[in-house]
C-alpha atoms as a PDB file:
ATOM      1  CA  MET A   1    -144.274 112.908 273.594  1.00  0.00           C
ATOM      2  CA  LYS A   2    -147.973 112.480 272.909  1.00  0.00           C
ATOM      3  CA  VAL A   3    -150.638 111.014 275.182  1.00  0.00           C
ATOM      4  CA  LYS A   4    -154.285 110.345 274.459  1.00  0.00           C
ATOM      5  CA  VAL A   5    -156.787 111.838 276.901  1.00  0.00           C
ATOM      6  CA  LYS A   6    -160.384 110.621 277.178  1.00  0.00           C
ATOM      7  CA  PHE A   7    -162.998 112.748 278.928  1.00  0.00           C
ATOM      8  CA  PHE A   8    -166.066 111.237 280.576  1.00  0.00           C
ATOM      9  CA  SER A   9    -169.440 112.601 281.741  1.00  0.00           C
ATOM     10  CA  VAL A  10    -169.376 116.250 282.927  1.00  0.00           C
ATOM     11  CA  LEU A  11    -165.684 116.473 282.034  1.00  0.00           C
ATOM     12  CA  ARG A  12    -166.564 115.715 278.417  1.00  0.00           C
ATOM     13  CA  ASP A  13    -169.158 118.483 278.569  1.00  0.00           C
ATOM     14  CA  ALA A  14    -166.654 120.920 280.095  1.00  0.00           C
ATOM     15  CA  ALA A  15    -164.004 120.177 277.479  1.00  0.00           C
ATOM     16  CA  GLY A  16    -166.444 119.973 274.601  1.00  0.00           C
ATOM     17  CA  VAL A  17    -164.585 116.957 273.194  1.00  0.00           C
ATOM     18  CA  LYS A  18    -164.648 113.222 273.799  1.00  0.00           C
ATOM     19  CA  GLU A  19    -160.881 112.803 273.553  1.00  0.00           C
ATOM     20  CA  ALA A  20    -157.723 114.689 272.661  1.00  0.00           C
ATOM     21  CA  LEU A  21    -154.131 114.020 271.727  1.00  0.00           C
ATOM     22  CA  VAL A  22    -151.861 116.144 273.928  1.00  0.00           C
ATOM     23  CA  GLU A  23    -148.178 116.803 273.362  1.00  0.00           C
ATOM     24  CA  LEU A  24    -146.033 117.144 276.493  1.00  0.00           C
ATOM     25  CA  ARG A  25    -142.337 117.212 277.308  1.00  0.00           C
ATOM     26  CA  ASP A  26    -140.698 113.811 277.826  1.00  0.00           C
ATOM     27  CA  GLY A  27    -141.046 112.708 281.436  1.00  0.00           C
ATOM     28  CA  ALA A  28    -144.060 114.917 282.170  1.00  0.00           C
ATOM     29  CA  LYS A  29    -146.195 113.924 285.134  1.00  0.00           C
ATOM     30  CA  VAL A  30    -149.967 113.667 285.375  1.00  0.00           C
ATOM     31  CA  SER A  31    -150.086 117.028 287.195  1.00  0.00           C
ATOM     32  CA  GLU A  32    -148.426 118.723 284.208  1.00  0.00           C
ATOM     33  CA  LEU A  33    -150.940 117.134 281.863  1.00  0.00           C
ATOM     34  CA  LEU A  34    -153.805 118.416 284.021  1.00  0.00           C
ATOM     35  CA  GLU A  35    -152.390 121.946 283.977  1.00  0.00           C
ATOM     36  CA  GLU A  36    -152.167 121.795 280.170  1.00  0.00           C
ATOM     37  CA  LEU A  37    -155.762 120.600 279.981  1.00  0.00           C
ATOM     38  CA  TYR A  38    -156.938 123.386 282.334  1.00  0.00           C
ATOM     39  CA  PHE A  39    -155.144 125.889 280.093  1.00  0.00           C
ATOM     40  CA  ARG A  40    -156.810 124.528 276.945  1.00  0.00           C
ATOM     41  CA  TRP A  41    -160.238 124.081 278.493  1.00  0.00           C
ATOM     42  CA  PRO A  42    -160.657 126.478 281.440  1.00  0.00           C
ATOM     43  CA  LYS A  43    -164.106 125.041 282.262  1.00  0.00           C
ATOM     44  CA  LEU A  44    -162.338 121.878 283.439  1.00  0.00           C
ATOM     45  CA  ARG A  45    -161.060 123.881 286.429  1.00  0.00           C
ATOM     46  CA  ASP A  46    -164.612 123.857 287.786  1.00  0.00           C
ATOM     47  CA  GLU A  47    -164.406 120.058 287.953  1.00  0.00           C
ATOM     48  CA  ARG A  48    -161.190 119.754 290.001  1.00  0.00           C
ATOM     49  CA  ASP A  49    -162.328 116.576 291.773  1.00  0.00           C
ATOM     50  CA  VAL A  50    -161.258 114.109 289.070  1.00  0.00           C
ATOM     51  CA  ILE A  51    -160.284 110.450 289.008  1.00  0.00           C
ATOM     52  CA  VAL A  52    -157.250 109.967 286.749  1.00  0.00           C
ATOM     53  CA  LEU A  53    -156.546 106.587 285.187  1.00  0.00           C
ATOM     54  CA  VAL A  54    -153.344 105.998 283.227  1.00  0.00           C
ATOM     55  CA  ASN A  55    -153.633 102.926 281.032  1.00  0.00           C
ATOM     56  CA  GLY A  56    -156.546 101.797 283.219  1.00  0.00           C
ATOM     57  CA  LYS A  57    -154.758 102.213 286.561  1.00  0.00           C
ATOM     58  CA  PRO A  58    -155.396 104.983 289.128  1.00  0.00           C
ATOM     59  CA  SER A  59    -152.618 107.535 289.279  1.00  0.00           C
ATOM     60  CA  SER A  60    -152.132 111.175 290.114  1.00  0.00           C
ATOM     61  CA  SER A  61    -148.332 111.426 290.227  1.00  0.00           C
ATOM     62  CA  LEU A  62    -147.172 108.935 287.621  1.00  0.00           C
ATOM     63  CA  GLU A  63    -144.633 109.949 285.001  1.00  0.00           C
ATOM     64  CA  LEU A  64    -146.265 109.638 281.595  1.00  0.00           C
ATOM     65  CA  LYS A  65    -144.798 107.861 278.583  1.00  0.00           C
ATOM     66  CA  GLU A  66    -145.321 108.179 274.834  1.00  0.00           C
ATOM     67  CA  GLY A  67    -148.636 106.620 273.817  1.00  0.00           C
ATOM     68  CA  ASP A  68    -150.158 106.450 277.307  1.00  0.00           C
ATOM     69  CA  GLU A  69    -153.936 106.657 277.491  1.00  0.00           C
ATOM     70  CA  VAL A  70    -155.285 108.875 280.255  1.00  0.00           C
ATOM     71  CA  ALA A  71    -158.937 108.753 281.280  1.00  0.00           C
ATOM     72  CA  LEU A  72    -160.478 111.602 283.286  1.00  0.00           C
ATOM     73  CA  ILE A  73    -163.567 110.513 285.194  1.00  0.00           C
ATOM     74  CA  PRO A  74    -165.653 112.486 287.682  1.00  0.00           C
ATOM     75  CA  PRO A  75    -166.166 110.796 291.057  1.00  0.00           C
ATOM     76  CA  VAL A  76    -169.208 108.567 291.291  1.00  0.00           C
ATOM     77  CA  SER A  77    -171.814 109.495 293.844  1.00  0.00           C
ATOM     78  CA  GLY A  78    -175.275 108.375 294.656  1.00  0.00           C
ATOM     79  CA  GLY A  79    -177.425 107.042 297.348  1.00  0.00           C
END
């Protein structure tokens, strides 16, 4: 199955791309997607604190489906 991944802010810089189409086994979970992304773009490992949205909803353990859109966003901080 294929899912679309969008990278934001420092994660976009670390990956060097704005978005990517990633092929995974059917039934793969978000954690498996993250491991694939860390393999492709090792610099992403430096940014382990990541908010994961699947089709606009927070999720870190959801089983992915064909055509899902996954957004990777660094945590927001400020003062």
